[in-house]
Amino acid sequence: MPKGYLIGHITVNDAGAYAEYVQRDTPILERHGGRFIVRAGQSETLEGAAEKRHVVIEFPSYAAARGAYDDPEYQAVADIRRRTADSTIILVEGT
């Protein structure tokens, strides 16, 4: 079965408040089988435009990734991200 991935491209506007999002989202996503493959770190935009921070979370399946994103507890925490950062979140099926 193909895996599912949540990919986030983020520019943090309020680092102090965003830290709460990072602390609270991790256990929720891990409960759904999520495993952080990329979480910030050094990056270069070699072509085009991009946000400053990148996150890739691997899940056992596309459905598991979708379930994690749709989880009401995660959505409540995601509101912190929406208030404190500019972000694009992508759900993708992969290998």
C-alpha atoms as a PDB file:
ATOM      1  CA  MET A   1       0.000   0.000   0.000  1.00  0.00           C
ATOM      2  CA  PRO A   2       1.367   3.452  -0.890  1.00  0.00           C
ATOM      3  CA  LYS A   3       2.294   5.746   1.962  1.00  0.00           C
ATOM      4  CA  GLY A   4       0.794   9.156   2.582  1.00  0.00           C
ATOM      5  CA  TYR A   5       2.706  12.342   3.206  1.00  0.00           C
ATOM      6  CA  LEU A   6       1.811  15.703   4.652  1.00  0.00           C
ATOM      7  CA  ILE A   7       4.180  18.329   3.304  1.00  0.00           C
ATOM      8  CA  GLY A   8       4.279  21.788   4.802  1.00  0.00           C
ATOM      9  CA  HIS A   9       5.964  24.889   3.442  1.00  0.00           C
ATOM     10  CA  ILE A  10       5.969  27.506   6.180  1.00  0.00           C
ATOM     11  CA  THR A  11       7.252  30.970   6.999  1.00  0.00           C
ATOM     12  CA  VAL A  12       6.949  31.646  10.722  1.00  0.00           C
ATOM     13  CA  ASN A  13       5.868  35.174  11.644  1.00  0.00           C
ATOM     14  CA  ASP A  14       5.714  34.739  15.449  1.00  0.00           C
ATOM     15  CA  ALA A  15       8.356  32.254  16.624  1.00  0.00           C
ATOM     16  CA  GLY A  16       7.283  32.269  20.258  1.00  0.00           C
ATOM     17  CA  ALA A  17       3.661  31.410  19.537  1.00  0.00           C
ATOM     18  CA  TYR A  18       4.583  28.993  16.727  1.00  0.00           C
ATOM     19  CA  ALA A  19       6.648  26.951  19.206  1.00  0.00           C
ATOM     20  CA  GLU A  20       3.399  25.993  20.953  1.00  0.00           C
ATOM     21  CA  TYR A  21       2.064  24.608  17.670  1.00  0.00           C
ATOM     22  CA  VAL A  22       5.175  22.454  17.175  1.00  0.00           C
ATOM     23  CA  GLN A  23       4.974  21.150  20.739  1.00  0.00           C
ATOM     24  CA  ARG A  24       1.273  20.278  20.496  1.00  0.00           C
ATOM     25  CA  ASP A  25       1.011  18.952  16.935  1.00  0.00           C
ATOM     26  CA  THR A  26       3.725  16.287  17.232  1.00  0.00           C
ATOM     27  CA  PRO A  27       1.956  13.839  19.580  1.00  0.00           C
ATOM     28  CA  ILE A  28      -1.300  14.131  17.613  1.00  0.00           C
ATOM     29  CA  LEU A  29       0.358  13.360  14.287  1.00  0.00           C
ATOM     30  CA  GLU A  30       2.435  10.550  15.794  1.00  0.00           C
ATOM     31  CA  ARG A  31      -0.754   8.937  17.166  1.00  0.00           C
ATOM     32  CA  HIS A  32      -1.905   8.634  13.557  1.00  0.00           C
ATOM     33  CA  GLY A  33       1.332   6.884  12.586  1.00  0.00           C
ATOM     34  CA  GLY A  34       3.118  10.029  11.434  1.00  0.00           C
ATOM     35  CA  ARG A  35       6.904  10.083  11.328  1.00  0.00           C
ATOM     36  CA  PHE A  36       8.764  13.342  10.712  1.00  0.00           C
ATOM     37  CA  ILE A  37      11.144  12.872   7.788  1.00  0.00           C
ATOM     38  CA  VAL A  38      12.027  16.574   7.406  1.00  0.00           C
ATOM     39  CA  ARG A  39      11.401  19.236  10.011  1.00  0.00           C
ATOM     40  CA  ALA A  40      12.993  22.577   9.197  1.00  0.00           C
ATOM     41  CA  GLY A  41      16.779  22.453   8.899  1.00  0.00           C
ATOM     42  CA  GLN A  42      18.948  23.952   6.203  1.00  0.00           C
ATOM     43  CA  SER A  43      17.352  24.394   2.790  1.00  0.00           C
ATOM     44  CA  GLU A  44      17.904  26.258  -0.454  1.00  0.00           C
ATOM     45  CA  THR A  45      15.303  27.227  -3.010  1.00  0.00           C
ATOM     46  CA  LEU A  46      17.069  26.378  -6.242  1.00  0.00           C
ATOM     47  CA  GLU A  47      14.209  27.375  -8.554  1.00  0.00           C
ATOM     48  CA  GLY A  48      11.004  29.328  -8.042  1.00  0.00           C
ATOM     49  CA  ALA A  49       9.713  30.782  -4.789  1.00  0.00           C
ATOM     50  CA  ALA A  50       9.220  28.982  -1.488  1.00  0.00           C
ATOM     51  CA  GLU A  51       8.490  29.550   2.172  1.00  0.00           C
ATOM     52  CA  LYS A  52      11.417  29.432   4.623  1.00  0.00           C
ATOM     53  CA  ARG A  53      10.650  26.205   6.527  1.00  0.00           C
ATOM     54  CA  HIS A  54       9.791  22.759   5.147  1.00  0.00           C
ATOM     55  CA  VAL A  55       8.247  19.751   6.855  1.00  0.00           C
ATOM     56  CA  VAL A  56       7.598  16.248   5.495  1.00  0.00           C
ATOM     57  CA  ILE A  57       5.629  13.780   7.615  1.00  0.00           C
ATOM     58  CA  GLU A  58       5.298  10.165   6.446  1.00  0.00           C
ATOM     59  CA  PHE A  59       2.207   8.097   7.284  1.00  0.00           C
ATOM     60  CA  PRO A  60       1.456   4.411   6.670  1.00  0.00           C
ATOM     61  CA  SER A  61      -1.173   5.372   4.073  1.00  0.00           C
ATOM     62  CA  TYR A  62      -2.847   8.294   2.330  1.00  0.00           C
ATOM     63  CA  ALA A  63      -5.953   7.660   4.461  1.00  0.00           C
ATOM     64  CA  ALA A  64      -3.890   7.809   7.673  1.00  0.00           C
ATOM     65  CA  ALA A  65      -2.357  11.134   6.617  1.00  0.00           C
ATOM     66  CA  ARG A  66      -5.791  12.524   5.744  1.00  0.00           C
ATOM     67  CA  GLY A  67      -7.168  11.256   9.061  1.00  0.00           C
ATOM     68  CA  ALA A  68      -4.382  13.001  10.960  1.00  0.00           C
ATOM     69  CA  TYR A  69      -5.042  16.288   9.190  1.00  0.00           C
ATOM     70  CA  ASP A  70      -8.817  15.996   9.677  1.00  0.00           C
ATOM     71  CA  ASP A  71      -8.532  15.050  13.367  1.00  0.00           C
ATOM     72  CA  PRO A  72     -10.469  17.725  15.303  1.00  0.00           C
ATOM     73  CA  GLU A  73      -7.706  17.883  17.912  1.00  0.00           C
ATOM     74  CA  TYR A  74      -5.133  18.592  15.191  1.00  0.00           C
ATOM     75  CA  GLN A  75      -7.381  21.193  13.558  1.00  0.00           C
ATOM     76  CA  ALA A  76      -7.636  23.034  16.871  1.00  0.00           C
ATOM     77  CA  VAL A  77      -3.840  23.108  17.117  1.00  0.00           C
ATOM     78  CA  ALA A  78      -3.491  24.018  13.422  1.00  0.00           C
ATOM     79  CA  ASP A  79      -5.280  27.263  14.195  1.00  0.00           C
ATOM     80  CA  ILE A  80      -2.110  28.299  16.075  1.00  0.00           C
ATOM     81  CA  ARG A  81      -0.091  27.743  12.883  1.00  0.00           C
ATOM     82  CA  ARG A  82      -2.610  29.648  10.814  1.00  0.00           C
ATOM     83  CA  ARG A  83      -2.353  32.647  13.167  1.00  0.00           C
ATOM     84  CA  THR A  84       1.434  32.639  13.511  1.00  0.00           C
ATOM     85  CA  ALA A  85       2.734  31.611  10.082  1.00  0.00           C
ATOM     86  CA  ASP A  86       2.112  31.668   6.349  1.00  0.00           C
ATOM     87  CA  SER A  87       1.810  28.084   5.200  1.00  0.00           C
ATOM     88  CA  THR A  88       0.894  25.703   2.431  1.00  0.00           C
ATOM     89  CA  ILE A  89       0.007  22.146   3.465  1.00  0.00           C
ATOM     90  CA  ILE A  90      -0.024  19.418   0.811  1.00  0.00           C
ATOM     91  CA  LEU A  91      -1.323  15.852   1.092  1.00  0.00           C
ATOM     92  CA  VAL A  92       0.312  13.442  -1.353  1.00  0.00           C
ATOM     93  CA  GLU A  93       0.420   9.703  -1.965  1.00  0.00           C
ATOM     94  CA  GLY A  94       3.901   8.282  -2.388  1.00  0.00           C
ATOM     95  CA  THR A  95       6.113   5.256  -2.016  1.00  0.00           C
END
